[in-house]
Amino acid sequence: MADCTLKVETNLDGSAIVEDWEHNIDVAGFCFLDLTSNYVLADSLVKWIKGGRKPIYIGFSSLTILEPDEMTQAITQAPEITDQRGIISKGWGSLGNLAEPADFIYLVDKCPHNWLFFQYAAVAHHGGAGTSVAGTKLELYQVALEIDLGHLRRRKKERRMNPIEKAGIG
């Protein structure tokens, strides 16, 4: 194997600029699928987006949230306090059960990033690769939120405990 010195820089679109690589090495970067070709937007979503200034996306994609109702109530406070509009993506964590409807929040189940992200002023998310790249590609302001997953570790430990340990007597 020949020695090879690499200099790698990355473009905003995720593609790499590589010097000194052999001609048979390809760098793919990120793939962007056009998922909107068969997607039908809800009329209520289009009307809501056109009804005010650009909203902030709030979502955690594939993170599983053990207490989704509490998390939804907590994240709803940020747009309310800052007088913003927000779209909450329910994601795998099942976010989106509001105690009371709020006109500054729209809840969305599934919607392709390549359409919806054009509608946003900013993106608040868990820092996953897909959401980060989608936001970066469109040069959106992004905030990667630290999510405490300690509750997941505690739940796993609780499941492994025997009944005596769970009762706190052994």
N, C-alpha and C. Protein backbone atom coordinates (compact mmCIF):
# COMPACT_ATOMS: atom_id res chain seq x y z
N MET A 1 0.85 -1.17 0.00
CA MET A 1 0.00 0.00 0.00
C MET A 1 0.89 1.23 0.00
N ALA A 2 0.60 2.16 -0.88
CA ALA A 2 1.41 3.37 -1.01
C ALA A 2 1.04 4.38 0.07
N ASP A 3 2.05 5.15 0.51
CA ASP A 3 1.78 6.24 1.45
C ASP A 3 1.02 7.33 0.71
N CYS A 4 0.09 7.94 1.39
CA CYS A 4 -0.71 8.97 0.77
C CYS A 4 -1.04 10.02 1.82
N THR A 5 -0.72 11.27 1.54
CA THR A 5 -1.07 12.36 2.43
C THR A 5 -2.36 12.98 1.93
N LEU A 6 -3.32 13.17 2.84
CA LEU A 6 -4.62 13.69 2.44
C LEU A 6 -4.86 15.07 3.01
N LYS A 7 -5.43 15.90 2.22
CA LYS A 7 -5.95 17.18 2.69
C LYS A 7 -7.43 17.18 2.32
N VAL A 8 -8.29 17.23 3.32
CA VAL A 8 -9.72 17.15 3.08
C VAL A 8 -10.38 18.42 3.61
N GLU A 9 -11.18 19.05 2.77
CA GLU A 9 -12.02 20.18 3.16
C GLU A 9 -13.44 19.80 2.79
N THR A 10 -14.40 20.35 3.50
CA THR A 10 -15.79 20.02 3.22
C THR A 10 -16.56 21.26 2.81
N ASN A 11 -17.31 21.12 1.72
CA ASN A 11 -18.21 22.19 1.27
C ASN A 11 -19.46 22.20 2.14
N LEU A 12 -20.24 23.28 2.08
CA LEU A 12 -21.49 23.37 2.83
C LEU A 12 -22.47 22.27 2.46
N ASP A 13 -22.43 21.79 1.22
CA ASP A 13 -23.38 20.76 0.82
C ASP A 13 -22.96 19.37 1.26
N GLY A 14 -21.86 19.26 2.02
CA GLY A 14 -21.42 17.97 2.52
C GLY A 14 -20.43 17.27 1.62
N SER A 15 -20.24 17.75 0.39
CA SER A 15 -19.28 17.12 -0.50
C SER A 15 -17.87 17.49 -0.07
N ALA A 16 -16.95 16.62 -0.34
CA ALA A 16 -15.58 16.84 0.10
C ALA A 16 -14.69 17.29 -1.05
N ILE A 17 -13.73 18.12 -0.70
CA ILE A 17 -12.69 18.51 -1.63
C ILE A 17 -11.44 17.77 -1.15
N VAL A 18 -10.96 16.86 -1.94
CA VAL A 18 -9.85 16.01 -1.51
C VAL A 18 -8.69 16.17 -2.47
N GLU A 19 -7.52 16.38 -1.91
CA GLU A 19 -6.31 16.45 -2.72
C GLU A 19 -5.49 15.19 -2.50
N ASP A 20 -4.75 14.78 -3.49
CA ASP A 20 -3.80 13.68 -3.40
C ASP A 20 -4.44 12.31 -3.24
N TRP A 21 -5.68 12.13 -3.68
CA TRP A 21 -6.27 10.80 -3.64
C TRP A 21 -6.13 10.18 -5.03
N GLU A 22 -6.07 8.89 -5.05
CA GLU A 22 -6.01 8.17 -6.31
C GLU A 22 -7.30 8.39 -7.09
N HIS A 23 -7.23 8.21 -8.40
CA HIS A 23 -8.39 8.47 -9.26
C HIS A 23 -9.57 7.53 -9.01
N ASN A 24 -9.35 6.38 -8.38
CA ASN A 24 -10.42 5.40 -8.18
C ASN A 24 -11.17 5.58 -6.86
N ILE A 25 -10.88 6.64 -6.10
CA ILE A 25 -11.56 6.87 -4.82
C ILE A 25 -12.60 7.96 -5.02
N ASP A 26 -13.84 7.62 -4.68
CA ASP A 26 -14.95 8.57 -4.78
C ASP A 26 -15.41 8.99 -3.40
N VAL A 27 -15.79 10.23 -3.27
CA VAL A 27 -16.38 10.73 -2.04
C VAL A 27 -17.79 11.16 -2.37
N ALA A 28 -18.76 10.55 -1.73
CA ALA A 28 -20.16 10.80 -2.07
C ALA A 28 -20.76 11.98 -1.34
N GLY A 29 -20.34 12.24 -0.12
CA GLY A 29 -21.00 13.28 0.67
C GLY A 29 -22.37 12.81 1.10
N PHE A 30 -23.33 13.70 1.18
CA PHE A 30 -24.68 13.35 1.59
C PHE A 30 -25.57 13.20 0.36
N CYS A 31 -26.53 12.30 0.45
CA CYS A 31 -27.51 12.12 -0.61
C CYS A 31 -28.80 12.82 -0.18
N PHE A 32 -29.37 13.58 -1.07
CA PHE A 32 -30.62 14.27 -0.79
C PHE A 32 -31.70 13.69 -1.68
N LEU A 33 -32.69 13.07 -1.08
CA LEU A 33 -33.77 12.46 -1.83
C LEU A 33 -34.89 13.47 -2.03
N ASP A 34 -35.51 13.45 -3.20
CA ASP A 34 -36.67 14.29 -3.43
C ASP A 34 -37.89 13.52 -2.96
N LEU A 35 -38.26 13.75 -1.71
CA LEU A 35 -39.38 13.02 -1.13
C LEU A 35 -40.71 13.74 -1.31
N THR A 36 -40.68 14.89 -1.96
CA THR A 36 -41.92 15.66 -2.10
C THR A 36 -42.72 15.27 -3.33
N SER A 37 -42.16 14.48 -4.24
CA SER A 37 -42.84 14.20 -5.49
C SER A 37 -44.18 13.49 -5.28
N ASN A 38 -44.30 12.65 -4.25
CA ASN A 38 -45.57 11.95 -3.99
C ASN A 38 -46.23 12.41 -2.69
N TYR A 39 -45.71 13.42 -2.07
CA TYR A 39 -46.24 13.87 -0.78
C TYR A 39 -47.32 14.92 -1.00
N VAL A 40 -48.44 14.75 -0.34
CA VAL A 40 -49.54 15.71 -0.43
C VAL A 40 -49.57 16.51 0.86
N LEU A 41 -49.36 17.80 0.74
CA LEU A 41 -49.35 18.68 1.90
C LEU A 41 -50.77 18.91 2.40
N ALA A 42 -50.90 18.95 3.71
CA ALA A 42 -52.21 19.26 4.31
C ALA A 42 -52.52 20.73 4.04
N ASP A 43 -53.75 21.00 3.61
CA ASP A 43 -54.17 22.38 3.36
C ASP A 43 -53.99 23.25 4.60
N SER A 44 -54.26 22.67 5.76
CA SER A 44 -54.14 23.43 7.01
C SER A 44 -52.69 23.85 7.27
N LEU A 45 -51.72 23.01 6.88
CA LEU A 45 -50.31 23.36 7.05
C LEU A 45 -49.92 24.51 6.14
N VAL A 46 -50.30 24.43 4.88
CA VAL A 46 -49.97 25.49 3.92
C VAL A 46 -50.60 26.81 4.36
N LYS A 47 -51.86 26.76 4.78
CA LYS A 47 -52.56 27.97 5.24
C LYS A 47 -51.89 28.54 6.48
N TRP A 48 -51.50 27.68 7.43
CA TRP A 48 -50.85 28.14 8.66
C TRP A 48 -49.51 28.81 8.35
N ILE A 49 -48.72 28.20 7.47
CA ILE A 49 -47.41 28.77 7.12
C ILE A 49 -47.58 30.13 6.47
N LYS A 50 -48.55 30.25 5.56
CA LYS A 50 -48.78 31.53 4.87
C LYS A 50 -49.41 32.58 5.78
N GLY A 51 -49.90 32.17 6.94
CA GLY A 51 -50.62 33.07 7.83
C GLY A 51 -49.76 33.90 8.77
N GLY A 52 -48.47 33.89 8.60
CA GLY A 52 -47.60 34.67 9.50
C GLY A 52 -46.15 34.56 9.09
N ARG A 53 -45.28 35.07 9.95
CA ARG A 53 -43.85 35.02 9.62
C ARG A 53 -43.32 33.59 9.71
N LYS A 54 -42.14 33.39 9.15
CA LYS A 54 -41.56 32.06 9.10
C LYS A 54 -41.41 31.47 10.50
N PRO A 55 -41.83 30.21 10.67
CA PRO A 55 -41.73 29.58 11.98
C PRO A 55 -40.36 28.96 12.24
N ILE A 56 -40.18 28.53 13.47
CA ILE A 56 -39.00 27.77 13.88
C ILE A 56 -39.39 26.31 13.94
N TYR A 57 -38.57 25.46 13.36
CA TYR A 57 -38.78 24.01 13.44
C TYR A 57 -38.25 23.52 14.77
N ILE A 58 -39.05 22.71 15.45
CA ILE A 58 -38.62 22.08 16.69
C ILE A 58 -38.91 20.59 16.55
N GLY A 59 -37.87 19.78 16.59
CA GLY A 59 -38.08 18.35 16.47
C GLY A 59 -36.84 17.56 16.84
N PHE A 60 -37.06 16.32 17.21
CA PHE A 60 -35.97 15.47 17.66
C PHE A 60 -35.88 14.18 16.84
N SER A 61 -36.52 14.17 15.68
CA SER A 61 -36.45 13.07 14.71
C SER A 61 -36.58 11.70 15.34
N SER A 62 -35.46 10.95 15.36
CA SER A 62 -35.52 9.56 15.77
C SER A 62 -35.36 9.34 17.27
N LEU A 63 -35.19 10.40 18.05
CA LEU A 63 -35.07 10.21 19.49
C LEU A 63 -36.41 9.77 20.07
N THR A 64 -36.36 8.78 20.93
CA THR A 64 -37.55 8.35 21.62
C THR A 64 -37.65 9.14 22.92
N ILE A 65 -38.77 9.81 23.12
CA ILE A 65 -39.00 10.62 24.31
C ILE A 65 -39.94 9.83 25.21
N LEU A 66 -39.50 9.54 26.43
CA LEU A 66 -40.31 8.73 27.33
C LEU A 66 -41.51 9.49 27.90
N GLU A 67 -41.40 10.79 28.01
CA GLU A 67 -42.51 11.59 28.52
C GLU A 67 -42.83 12.68 27.49
N PRO A 68 -43.41 12.27 26.35
CA PRO A 68 -43.61 13.21 25.24
C PRO A 68 -44.54 14.38 25.55
N ASP A 69 -45.57 14.16 26.36
CA ASP A 69 -46.49 15.26 26.67
C ASP A 69 -45.78 16.34 27.49
N GLU A 70 -44.98 15.93 28.46
CA GLU A 70 -44.23 16.90 29.27
C GLU A 70 -43.21 17.64 28.40
N MET A 71 -42.52 16.92 27.53
CA MET A 71 -41.52 17.54 26.64
C MET A 71 -42.20 18.54 25.71
N THR A 72 -43.37 18.18 25.18
CA THR A 72 -44.09 19.08 24.28
C THR A 72 -44.48 20.36 25.00
N GLN A 73 -44.98 20.23 26.21
CA GLN A 73 -45.36 21.43 26.97
C GLN A 73 -44.13 22.31 27.21
N ALA A 74 -42.99 21.68 27.51
CA ALA A 74 -41.76 22.44 27.78
C ALA A 74 -41.27 23.18 26.54
N ILE A 75 -41.23 22.50 25.39
CA ILE A 75 -40.69 23.14 24.19
C ILE A 75 -41.66 24.15 23.60
N THR A 76 -42.93 24.05 23.92
CA THR A 76 -43.91 25.03 23.45
C THR A 76 -43.69 26.39 24.11
N GLN A 77 -43.08 26.40 25.27
CA GLN A 77 -42.85 27.65 25.98
C GLN A 77 -41.89 28.58 25.25
N ALA A 78 -40.89 28.02 24.57
CA ALA A 78 -39.88 28.87 23.90
C ALA A 78 -40.49 29.78 22.84
N PRO A 79 -41.26 29.26 21.88
CA PRO A 79 -41.88 30.18 20.91
C PRO A 79 -42.85 31.15 21.55
N GLU A 80 -43.55 30.71 22.58
CA GLU A 80 -44.51 31.60 23.24
C GLU A 80 -43.78 32.77 23.92
N ILE A 81 -42.74 32.48 24.66
CA ILE A 81 -41.99 33.52 25.38
C ILE A 81 -41.32 34.49 24.43
N THR A 82 -40.82 33.98 23.29
CA THR A 82 -40.08 34.82 22.34
C THR A 82 -40.95 35.39 21.23
N ASP A 83 -42.26 35.19 21.33
CA ASP A 83 -43.22 35.69 20.34
C ASP A 83 -42.88 35.19 18.93
N GLN A 84 -42.61 33.90 18.83
CA GLN A 84 -42.32 33.24 17.57
C GLN A 84 -43.43 32.25 17.25
N ARG A 85 -43.40 31.75 16.03
CA ARG A 85 -44.27 30.64 15.64
C ARG A 85 -43.39 29.41 15.54
N GLY A 86 -43.93 28.25 15.86
CA GLY A 86 -43.14 27.03 15.82
C GLY A 86 -43.90 25.87 15.22
N ILE A 87 -43.17 25.06 14.47
CA ILE A 87 -43.72 23.79 13.99
C ILE A 87 -43.03 22.70 14.78
N ILE A 88 -43.81 21.91 15.49
CA ILE A 88 -43.27 20.78 16.25
C ILE A 88 -43.47 19.52 15.43
N SER A 89 -42.36 18.86 15.13
CA SER A 89 -42.40 17.59 14.43
C SER A 89 -42.52 16.49 15.48
N LYS A 90 -43.58 15.71 15.39
CA LYS A 90 -43.81 14.68 16.40
C LYS A 90 -42.70 13.64 16.43
N GLY A 91 -42.17 13.26 15.27
CA GLY A 91 -41.06 12.31 15.21
C GLY A 91 -41.36 10.99 15.91
N TRP A 92 -40.29 10.22 16.14
CA TRP A 92 -40.44 8.92 16.79
C TRP A 92 -40.79 9.07 18.26
N GLY A 93 -40.52 10.24 18.81
CA GLY A 93 -40.78 10.49 20.22
C GLY A 93 -42.23 10.82 20.52
N SER A 94 -43.06 10.87 19.49
CA SER A 94 -44.50 11.16 19.64
C SER A 94 -44.77 12.49 20.33
N LEU A 95 -43.98 13.51 20.01
CA LEU A 95 -44.24 14.83 20.54
C LEU A 95 -45.56 15.35 19.98
N GLY A 96 -46.17 16.30 20.67
CA GLY A 96 -47.28 16.99 20.06
C GLY A 96 -48.63 16.90 20.71
N ASN A 97 -48.74 16.36 21.90
CA ASN A 97 -50.03 16.37 22.58
C ASN A 97 -50.08 17.60 23.47
N LEU A 98 -50.69 18.66 22.96
CA LEU A 98 -50.79 19.90 23.70
C LEU A 98 -51.97 19.85 24.67
N ALA A 99 -51.77 20.40 25.85
CA ALA A 99 -52.86 20.49 26.82
C ALA A 99 -53.97 21.38 26.28
N GLU A 100 -53.57 22.46 25.60
CA GLU A 100 -54.53 23.38 24.97
C GLU A 100 -53.99 23.77 23.60
N PRO A 101 -54.86 23.91 22.60
CA PRO A 101 -54.38 24.35 21.28
C PRO A 101 -53.73 25.73 21.37
N ALA A 102 -52.73 25.96 20.55
CA ALA A 102 -52.04 27.25 20.53
C ALA A 102 -51.90 27.68 19.08
N ASP A 103 -52.32 28.89 18.76
CA ASP A 103 -52.28 29.35 17.37
C ASP A 103 -50.86 29.59 16.87
N PHE A 104 -49.88 29.69 17.75
CA PHE A 104 -48.50 29.92 17.35
C PHE A 104 -47.73 28.61 17.16
N ILE A 105 -48.40 27.47 17.37
CA ILE A 105 -47.77 26.14 17.21
C ILE A 105 -48.56 25.34 16.20
N TYR A 106 -47.83 24.68 15.29
CA TYR A 106 -48.46 23.73 14.37
C TYR A 106 -47.77 22.39 14.59
N LEU A 107 -48.54 21.34 14.74
CA LEU A 107 -48.00 20.00 14.96
C LEU A 107 -48.03 19.24 13.64
N VAL A 108 -46.89 18.64 13.30
CA VAL A 108 -46.81 17.90 12.05
C VAL A 108 -46.30 16.49 12.32
N ASP A 109 -46.95 15.52 11.69
CA ASP A 109 -46.51 14.13 11.85
C ASP A 109 -45.28 13.86 10.99
N LYS A 110 -45.49 13.74 9.71
CA LYS A 110 -44.39 13.48 8.78
C LYS A 110 -44.50 14.45 7.63
N CYS A 111 -43.39 15.06 7.31
CA CYS A 111 -43.34 15.97 6.18
C CYS A 111 -41.89 16.03 5.72
N PRO A 112 -41.64 15.89 4.43
CA PRO A 112 -40.26 15.89 3.94
C PRO A 112 -39.51 17.17 4.27
N HIS A 113 -38.30 17.01 4.80
CA HIS A 113 -37.45 18.17 5.11
C HIS A 113 -37.22 19.03 3.88
N ASN A 114 -37.07 18.40 2.71
CA ASN A 114 -36.71 19.19 1.52
C ASN A 114 -37.83 20.13 1.07
N TRP A 115 -39.03 20.00 1.56
CA TRP A 115 -40.07 21.00 1.33
C TRP A 115 -40.20 21.90 2.55
N LEU A 116 -40.36 21.29 3.70
CA LEU A 116 -40.70 22.03 4.91
C LEU A 116 -39.58 22.97 5.34
N PHE A 117 -38.33 22.58 5.16
CA PHE A 117 -37.22 23.41 5.64
C PHE A 117 -37.12 24.75 4.90
N PHE A 118 -37.65 24.84 3.70
CA PHE A 118 -37.68 26.12 2.99
C PHE A 118 -38.61 27.12 3.68
N GLN A 119 -39.49 26.64 4.53
CA GLN A 119 -40.48 27.48 5.17
C GLN A 119 -40.01 28.05 6.51
N TYR A 120 -38.85 27.63 6.99
CA TYR A 120 -38.41 27.95 8.35
C TYR A 120 -37.49 29.16 8.42
N ALA A 121 -37.51 29.79 9.59
CA ALA A 121 -36.55 30.84 9.93
C ALA A 121 -35.34 30.22 10.62
N ALA A 122 -35.55 29.14 11.37
CA ALA A 122 -34.48 28.48 12.12
C ALA A 122 -34.91 27.06 12.47
N VAL A 123 -33.95 26.28 12.92
CA VAL A 123 -34.20 24.88 13.25
C VAL A 123 -33.63 24.59 14.64
N ALA A 124 -34.45 24.06 15.54
CA ALA A 124 -34.00 23.61 16.86
C ALA A 124 -34.20 22.10 16.89
N HIS A 125 -33.11 21.37 17.08
CA HIS A 125 -33.18 19.91 16.96
C HIS A 125 -32.13 19.25 17.83
N HIS A 126 -32.04 17.91 17.75
CA HIS A 126 -31.15 17.16 18.61
C HIS A 126 -29.73 17.01 18.05
N GLY A 127 -29.47 17.58 16.90
CA GLY A 127 -28.12 17.52 16.33
C GLY A 127 -27.84 16.28 15.51
N GLY A 128 -28.88 15.60 15.07
CA GLY A 128 -28.70 14.41 14.24
C GLY A 128 -28.19 14.78 12.86
N ALA A 129 -27.57 13.84 12.19
CA ALA A 129 -26.95 14.10 10.89
C ALA A 129 -27.94 14.59 9.85
N GLY A 130 -29.09 13.94 9.73
CA GLY A 130 -30.05 14.30 8.69
C GLY A 130 -30.59 15.71 8.85
N THR A 131 -31.02 16.04 10.05
CA THR A 131 -31.56 17.37 10.30
C THR A 131 -30.48 18.44 10.17
N SER A 132 -29.29 18.14 10.69
CA SER A 132 -28.18 19.10 10.61
C SER A 132 -27.82 19.42 9.16
N VAL A 133 -27.73 18.39 8.34
CA VAL A 133 -27.36 18.60 6.94
C VAL A 133 -28.47 19.32 6.18
N ALA A 134 -29.73 18.97 6.46
CA ALA A 134 -30.84 19.65 5.79
C ALA A 134 -30.85 21.14 6.13
N GLY A 135 -30.62 21.47 7.39
CA GLY A 135 -30.56 22.87 7.79
C GLY A 135 -29.36 23.59 7.23
N THR A 136 -28.21 22.92 7.20
CA THR A 136 -26.98 23.51 6.68
C THR A 136 -27.09 23.76 5.18
N LYS A 137 -27.68 22.82 4.48
CA LYS A 137 -27.84 22.97 3.03
C LYS A 137 -28.63 24.23 2.70
N LEU A 138 -29.61 24.56 3.51
CA LEU A 138 -30.44 25.73 3.26
C LEU A 138 -29.95 26.97 4.02
N GLU A 139 -28.80 26.83 4.68
CA GLU A 139 -28.17 27.94 5.41
C GLU A 139 -29.10 28.53 6.47
N LEU A 140 -29.81 27.65 7.18
CA LEU A 140 -30.70 28.08 8.24
C LEU A 140 -29.94 28.23 9.55
N TYR A 141 -30.41 29.12 10.41
CA TYR A 141 -29.89 29.19 11.76
C TYR A 141 -30.29 27.88 12.45
N GLN A 142 -29.36 27.29 13.21
CA GLN A 142 -29.64 26.04 13.88
C GLN A 142 -29.21 26.09 15.33
N VAL A 143 -29.98 25.43 16.16
CA VAL A 143 -29.63 25.23 17.55
C VAL A 143 -29.76 23.73 17.82
N ALA A 144 -28.65 23.11 18.18
CA ALA A 144 -28.68 21.70 18.56
C ALA A 144 -28.89 21.66 20.07
N LEU A 145 -30.00 21.10 20.47
CA LEU A 145 -30.39 21.08 21.88
C LEU A 145 -29.83 19.85 22.57
N GLU A 146 -29.32 20.03 23.76
CA GLU A 146 -28.85 18.90 24.55
C GLU A 146 -30.06 18.24 25.18
N ILE A 147 -30.23 16.98 24.88
CA ILE A 147 -31.37 16.22 25.41
C ILE A 147 -30.82 15.25 26.43
N ASP A 148 -31.37 15.27 27.64
CA ASP A 148 -30.92 14.36 28.71
C ASP A 148 -31.48 12.98 28.44
N LEU A 149 -30.60 12.06 28.10
CA LEU A 149 -31.03 10.69 27.87
C LEU A 149 -30.76 9.81 29.07
N GLY A 150 -30.45 10.44 30.20
CA GLY A 150 -30.23 9.69 31.43
C GLY A 150 -31.44 8.86 31.80
N HIS A 151 -32.64 9.37 31.48
CA HIS A 151 -33.85 8.62 31.80
C HIS A 151 -33.89 7.29 31.05
N LEU A 152 -33.31 7.23 29.86
CA LEU A 152 -33.27 5.97 29.12
C LEU A 152 -32.37 4.97 29.83
N ARG A 153 -31.21 5.44 30.29
CA ARG A 153 -30.30 4.55 31.02
C ARG A 153 -30.95 4.06 32.31
N ARG A 154 -31.65 4.95 33.02
CA ARG A 154 -32.32 4.54 34.26
C ARG A 154 -33.39 3.50 33.98
N ARG A 155 -34.16 3.71 32.92
CA ARG A 155 -35.22 2.75 32.59
C ARG A 155 -34.64 1.39 32.24
N LYS A 156 -33.54 1.37 31.48
CA LYS A 156 -32.91 0.09 31.14
C LYS A 156 -32.45 -0.63 32.40
N LYS A 157 -31.85 0.14 33.33
CA LYS A 157 -31.39 -0.45 34.59
C LYS A 157 -32.57 -0.99 35.37
N GLU A 158 -33.67 -0.26 35.43
CA GLU A 158 -34.86 -0.71 36.15
C GLU A 158 -35.40 -2.01 35.58
N ARG A 159 -35.37 -2.15 34.26
CA ARG A 159 -35.87 -3.37 33.64
C ARG A 159 -35.01 -4.57 33.99
N ARG A 160 -33.70 -4.34 34.23
CA ARG A 160 -32.79 -5.45 34.56
C ARG A 160 -32.85 -5.83 36.04
N MET A 161 -33.42 -4.96 36.86
CA MET A 161 -33.46 -5.22 38.31
C MET A 161 -34.49 -6.29 38.63
N ASN A 162 -34.21 -7.09 39.67
CA ASN A 162 -35.20 -8.08 40.10
C ASN A 162 -36.23 -7.39 41.00
N PRO A 163 -37.34 -8.02 41.29
CA PRO A 163 -38.42 -7.39 42.08
C PRO A 163 -37.97 -6.90 43.45
N ILE A 164 -37.04 -7.58 44.08
CA ILE A 164 -36.57 -7.14 45.41
C ILE A 164 -35.81 -5.84 45.29
N GLU A 165 -34.94 -5.73 44.26
CA GLU A 165 -34.20 -4.49 44.04
C GLU A 165 -35.16 -3.35 43.69
N LYS A 166 -36.16 -3.64 42.85
CA LYS A 166 -37.12 -2.61 42.46
C LYS A 166 -37.89 -2.06 43.66
N ALA A 167 -38.16 -2.93 44.62
CA ALA A 167 -38.90 -2.51 45.81
C ALA A 167 -38.01 -1.74 46.78
N GLY A 168 -36.68 -1.76 46.55
CA GLY A 168 -35.75 -1.04 47.41
C GLY A 168 -35.46 -1.72 48.72
N ILE A 169 -35.70 -3.02 48.76
CA ILE A 169 -35.47 -3.74 50.03
C ILE A 169 -34.32 -4.74 49.93
N GLY A 170 -33.59 -4.73 48.87
CA GLY A 170 -32.53 -5.72 48.77
C GLY A 170 -31.28 -5.20 48.16
